Amino acid sequence: MRKKKAKRREVKLENRFSNPALSRFINYLMKDGKKLVAQKIGLSSLGKYRKEAEN
């Protein structure tokens, strides 16, 4: 007999932008629980992308 399907958990909005898609992206980047490192990498890449998009 199979168990019940696992419920989908809500993503906590821990970053300064309060964007669930950005939180999921940072969680995807995270390795070995290093969330601060993942935030720095993700936000710096977004900053570079914004500068290129403006030009």
PDB file of N, CA and C in Angstrom:
ATOM      1  N   MET A   1       0.835  -1.173   0.000  1.00  0.00           N
ATOM      2  CA  MET A   1       0.000   0.000   0.000  1.00  0.00           C
ATOM      3  C   MET A   1       0.889   1.249   0.000  1.00  0.00           C
ATOM      4  N   ARG A   2       0.536   2.214  -0.849  1.00  0.00           N
ATOM      5  CA  ARG A   2       1.335   3.424  -0.953  1.00  0.00           C
ATOM      6  C   ARG A   2       0.914   4.445   0.085  1.00  0.00           C
ATOM      7  N   LYS A   3       1.870   5.290   0.427  1.00  0.00           N
ATOM      8  CA  LYS A   3       1.589   6.364   1.375  1.00  0.00           C
ATOM      9  C   LYS A   3       0.964   7.542   0.638  1.00  0.00           C
ATOM     10  N   LYS A   4       0.500   8.506   1.404  1.00  0.00           N
ATOM     11  CA  LYS A   4      -0.080   9.706   0.808  1.00  0.00           C
ATOM     12  C   LYS A   4       0.997  10.521   0.094  1.00  0.00           C
ATOM     13  N   LYS A   5       0.562  11.293  -0.879  1.00  0.00           N
ATOM     14  CA  LYS A   5       1.484  12.160  -1.600  1.00  0.00           C
ATOM     15  C   LYS A   5       1.920  13.295  -0.677  1.00  0.00           C
ATOM     16  N   ALA A   6       3.188  13.642  -0.711  1.00  0.00           N
ATOM     17  CA  ALA A   6       3.725  14.697   0.154  1.00  0.00           C
ATOM     18  C   ALA A   6       3.125  16.041  -0.241  1.00  0.00           C
ATOM     19  N   LYS A   7       2.794  16.845   0.774  1.00  0.00           N
ATOM     20  CA  LYS A   7       2.249  18.172   0.518  1.00  0.00           C
ATOM     21  C   LYS A   7       3.366  19.110   0.097  1.00  0.00           C
ATOM     22  N   ARG A   8       3.039  20.019  -0.792  1.00  0.00           N
ATOM     23  CA  ARG A   8       4.019  20.998  -1.261  1.00  0.00           C
ATOM     24  C   ARG A   8       4.187  22.072  -0.199  1.00  0.00           C
ATOM     25  N   ARG A   9       5.426  22.344   0.160  1.00  0.00           N
ATOM     26  CA  ARG A   9       5.711  23.333   1.203  1.00  0.00           C
ATOM     27  C   ARG A   9       5.812  24.721   0.597  1.00  0.00           C
ATOM     28  N   GLU A  10       5.452  25.722   1.390  1.00  0.00           N
ATOM     29  CA  GLU A  10       5.578  27.100   0.946  1.00  0.00           C
ATOM     30  C   GLU A  10       7.039  27.549   1.090  1.00  0.00           C
ATOM     31  N   VAL A  11       7.475  28.363   0.164  1.00  0.00           N
ATOM     32  CA  VAL A  11       8.839  28.883   0.203  1.00  0.00           C
ATOM     33  C   VAL A  11       8.861  30.098   1.113  1.00  0.00           C
ATOM     34  N   LYS A  12       9.791  30.123   2.055  1.00  0.00           N
ATOM     35  CA  LYS A  12       9.918  31.268   2.955  1.00  0.00           C
ATOM     36  C   LYS A  12      10.593  32.418   2.214  1.00  0.00           C
ATOM     37  N   LEU A  13      10.060  33.596   2.386  1.00  0.00           N
ATOM     38  CA  LEU A  13      10.609  34.780   1.725  1.00  0.00           C
ATOM     39  C   LEU A  13      11.618  35.433   2.660  1.00  0.00           C
ATOM     40  N   GLU A  14      12.871  35.029   2.546  1.00  0.00           N
ATOM     41  CA  GLU A  14      13.906  35.503   3.461  1.00  0.00           C
ATOM     42  C   GLU A  14      14.790  36.581   2.857  1.00  0.00           C
ATOM     43  N   ASN A  15      14.584  36.894   1.605  1.00  0.00           N
ATOM     44  CA  ASN A  15      15.469  37.874   0.984  1.00  0.00           C
ATOM     45  C   ASN A  15      14.835  39.257   0.986  1.00  0.00           C
ATOM     46  N   ARG A  16      15.582  40.212   0.537  1.00  0.00           N
ATOM     47  CA  ARG A  16      15.121  41.595   0.622  1.00  0.00           C
ATOM     48  C   ARG A  16      14.100  41.961  -0.444  1.00  0.00           C
ATOM     49  N   PHE A  17      13.927  41.129  -1.468  1.00  0.00           N
ATOM     50  CA  PHE A  17      12.992  41.442  -2.532  1.00  0.00           C
ATOM     51  C   PHE A  17      11.607  40.842  -2.314  1.00  0.00           C
ATOM     52  N   SER A  18      11.440  39.913  -1.399  1.00  0.00           N
ATOM     53  CA  SER A  18      10.179  39.210  -1.108  1.00  0.00           C
ATOM     54  C   SER A  18       9.528  38.663  -2.367  1.00  0.00           C
ATOM     55  N   ASN A  19      10.317  38.007  -3.172  1.00  0.00           N
ATOM     56  CA  ASN A  19       9.836  37.424  -4.409  1.00  0.00           C
ATOM     57  C   ASN A  19       9.975  35.903  -4.300  1.00  0.00           C
ATOM     58  N   PRO A  20       8.865  35.158  -4.397  1.00  0.00           N
ATOM     59  CA  PRO A  20       8.976  33.702  -4.242  1.00  0.00           C
ATOM     60  C   PRO A  20       9.827  33.040  -5.323  1.00  0.00           C
ATOM     61  N   ALA A  21       9.803  33.554  -6.539  1.00  0.00           N
ATOM     62  CA  ALA A  21      10.626  32.977  -7.607  1.00  0.00           C
ATOM     63  C   ALA A  21      12.108  33.173  -7.301  1.00  0.00           C
ATOM     64  N   LEU A  22      12.464  34.330  -6.773  1.00  0.00           N
ATOM     65  CA  LEU A  22      13.857  34.596  -6.417  1.00  0.00           C
ATOM     66  C   LEU A  22      14.292  33.718  -5.242  1.00  0.00           C
ATOM     67  N   SER A  23      13.407  33.493  -4.286  1.00  0.00           N
ATOM     68  CA  SER A  23      13.721  32.614  -3.154  1.00  0.00           C
ATOM     69  C   SER A  23      13.958  31.186  -3.623  1.00  0.00           C
ATOM     70  N   ARG A  24      13.132  30.717  -4.561  1.00  0.00           N
ATOM     71  CA  ARG A  24      13.337  29.368  -5.097  1.00  0.00           C
ATOM     72  C   ARG A  24      14.648  29.276  -5.856  1.00  0.00           C
ATOM     73  N   PHE A  25      14.995  30.338  -6.596  1.00  0.00           N
ATOM     74  CA  PHE A  25      16.251  30.353  -7.344  1.00  0.00           C
ATOM     75  C   PHE A  25      17.447  30.289  -6.395  1.00  0.00           C
ATOM     76  N   ILE A  26      17.386  31.049  -5.308  1.00  0.00           N
ATOM     77  CA  ILE A  26      18.477  31.038  -4.328  1.00  0.00           C
ATOM     78  C   ILE A  26      18.568  29.672  -3.655  1.00  0.00           C
ATOM     79  N   ASN A  27      17.429  29.064  -3.340  1.00  0.00           N
ATOM     80  CA  ASN A  27      17.452  27.728  -2.756  1.00  0.00           C
ATOM     81  C   ASN A  27      18.014  26.707  -3.736  1.00  0.00           C
ATOM     82  N   TYR A  28      17.781  26.908  -5.017  1.00  0.00           N
ATOM     83  CA  TYR A  28      18.320  26.016  -6.040  1.00  0.00           C
ATOM     84  C   TYR A  28      19.840  26.151  -6.124  1.00  0.00           C
ATOM     85  N   LEU A  29      20.340  27.370  -5.967  1.00  0.00           N
ATOM     86  CA  LEU A  29      21.783  27.608  -6.027  1.00  0.00           C
ATOM     87  C   LEU A  29      22.517  27.083  -4.796  1.00  0.00           C
ATOM     88  N   MET A  30      21.824  26.957  -3.691  1.00  0.00           N
ATOM     89  CA  MET A  30      22.453  26.654  -2.409  1.00  0.00           C
ATOM     90  C   MET A  30      23.095  25.265  -2.406  1.00  0.00           C
ATOM     91  N   LYS A  31      24.307  25.201  -1.914  1.00  0.00           N
ATOM     92  CA  LYS A  31      25.039  23.938  -1.758  1.00  0.00           C
ATOM     93  C   LYS A  31      25.426  23.768  -0.296  1.00  0.00           C
ATOM     94  N   ASP A  32      25.179  22.616   0.254  1.00  0.00           N
ATOM     95  CA  ASP A  32      25.581  22.264   1.623  1.00  0.00           C
ATOM     96  C   ASP A  32      25.050  23.251   2.662  1.00  0.00           C
ATOM     97  N   GLY A  33      23.886  23.832   2.430  1.00  0.00           N
ATOM     98  CA  GLY A  33      23.274  24.726   3.404  1.00  0.00           C
ATOM     99  C   GLY A  33      23.865  26.121   3.459  1.00  0.00           C
ATOM    100  N   LYS A  34      24.666  26.487   2.478  1.00  0.00           N
ATOM    101  CA  LYS A  34      25.316  27.805   2.459  1.00  0.00           C
ATOM    102  C   LYS A  34      24.401  28.820   1.771  1.00  0.00           C
ATOM    103  N   LYS A  35      23.385  29.270   2.493  1.00  0.00           N
ATOM    104  CA  LYS A  35      22.398  30.163   1.903  1.00  0.00           C
ATOM    105  C   LYS A  35      22.951  31.560   1.660  1.00  0.00           C
ATOM    106  N   LEU A  36      23.793  32.051   2.555  1.00  0.00           N
ATOM    107  CA  LEU A  36      24.355  33.395   2.384  1.00  0.00           C
ATOM    108  C   LEU A  36      25.216  33.469   1.136  1.00  0.00           C
ATOM    109  N   VAL A  37      26.000  32.438   0.885  1.00  0.00           N
ATOM    110  CA  VAL A  37      26.839  32.397  -0.311  1.00  0.00           C
ATOM    111  C   VAL A  37      25.951  32.365  -1.555  1.00  0.00           C
ATOM    112  N   ALA A  38      24.888  31.576  -1.519  1.00  0.00           N
ATOM    113  CA  ALA A  38      23.970  31.495  -2.653  1.00  0.00           C
ATOM    114  C   ALA A  38      23.277  32.832  -2.898  1.00  0.00           C
ATOM    115  N   GLN A  39      22.936  33.549  -1.828  1.00  0.00           N
ATOM    116  CA  GLN A  39      22.313  34.862  -1.989  1.00  0.00           C
ATOM    117  C   GLN A  39      23.280  35.843  -2.646  1.00  0.00           C
ATOM    118  N   LYS A  40      24.523  35.828  -2.220  1.00  0.00           N
ATOM    119  CA  LYS A  40      25.511  36.730  -2.811  1.00  0.00           C
ATOM    120  C   LYS A  40      25.696  36.442  -4.289  1.00  0.00           C
ATOM    121  N   ILE A  41      25.783  35.170  -4.647  1.00  0.00           N
ATOM    122  CA  ILE A  41      25.974  34.791  -6.049  1.00  0.00           C
ATOM    123  C   ILE A  41      24.749  35.176  -6.871  1.00  0.00           C
ATOM    124  N   GLY A  42      23.570  34.845  -6.369  1.00  0.00           N
ATOM    125  CA  GLY A  42      22.336  35.118  -7.109  1.00  0.00           C
ATOM    126  C   GLY A  42      22.069  36.592  -7.277  1.00  0.00           C
ATOM    127  N   LEU A  43      22.233  37.369  -6.218  1.00  0.00           N
ATOM    128  CA  LEU A  43      21.944  38.800  -6.298  1.00  0.00           C
ATOM    129  C   LEU A  43      22.992  39.547  -7.110  1.00  0.00           C
ATOM    130  N   SER A  44      24.241  39.101  -7.045  1.00  0.00           N
ATOM    131  CA  SER A  44      25.266  39.760  -7.866  1.00  0.00           C
ATOM    132  C   SER A  44      25.027  39.464  -9.343  1.00  0.00           C
ATOM    133  N   SER A  45      24.597  38.252  -9.670  1.00  0.00           N
ATOM    134  CA  SER A  45      24.313  37.937 -11.071  1.00  0.00           C
ATOM    135  C   SER A  45      23.112  38.724 -11.569  1.00  0.00           C
ATOM    136  N   LEU A  46      22.109  38.936 -10.720  1.00  0.00           N
ATOM    137  CA  LEU A  46      20.964  39.751 -11.121  1.00  0.00           C
ATOM    138  C   LEU A  46      21.366  41.205 -11.320  1.00  0.00           C
ATOM    139  N   GLY A  47      22.269  41.695 -10.480  1.00  0.00           N
ATOM    140  CA  GLY A  47      22.757  43.062 -10.634  1.00  0.00           C
ATOM    141  C   GLY A  47      23.489  43.248 -11.951  1.00  0.00           C
ATOM    142  N   LYS A  48      24.314  42.267 -12.330  1.00  0.00           N
ATOM    143  CA  LYS A  48      25.022  42.334 -13.612  1.00  0.00           C
ATOM    144  C   LYS A  48      24.039  42.283 -14.770  1.00  0.00           C
ATOM    145  N   TYR A  49      23.002  41.460 -14.630  1.00  0.00           N
ATOM    146  CA  TYR A  49      21.994  41.336 -15.676  1.00  0.00           C
ATOM    147  C   TYR A  49      21.230  42.655 -15.853  1.00  0.00           C
ATOM    148  N   ARG A  50      20.897  43.304 -14.748  1.00  0.00           N
ATOM    149  CA  ARG A  50      20.182  44.584 -14.816  1.00  0.00           C
ATOM    150  C   ARG A  50      21.015  45.652 -15.498  1.00  0.00           C
ATOM    151  N   LYS A  51      22.323  45.691 -15.204  1.00  0.00           N
ATOM    152  CA  LYS A  51      23.192  46.686 -15.827  1.00  0.00           C
ATOM    153  C   LYS A  51      23.267  46.469 -17.341  1.00  0.00           C
ATOM    154  N   GLU A  52      23.344  45.196 -17.757  1.00  0.00           N
ATOM    155  CA  GLU A  52      23.399  44.896 -19.186  1.00  0.00           C
ATOM    156  C   GLU A  52      22.066  45.198 -19.858  1.00  0.00           C
ATOM    157  N   ALA A  53      20.954  44.983 -19.148  1.00  0.00           N
ATOM    158  CA  ALA A  53      19.640  45.208 -19.732  1.00  0.00           C
ATOM    159  C   ALA A  53      19.378  46.712 -19.911  1.00  0.00           C
ATOM    160  N   GLU A  54      19.937  47.525 -19.037  1.00  0.00           N
ATOM    161  CA  GLU A  54      19.742  48.969 -19.141  1.00  0.00           C
ATOM    162  C   GLU A  54      20.471  49.560 -20.335  1.00  0.00           C
ATOM    163  N   ASN A  55      21.600  48.971 -20.689  1.00  0.00           N
ATOM    164  CA  ASN A  55      22.417  49.504 -21.800  1.00  0.00           C
ATOM    165  C   ASN A  55      21.873  49.091 -23.129  1.00  0.00           C
TER     166      ASN A  55
END
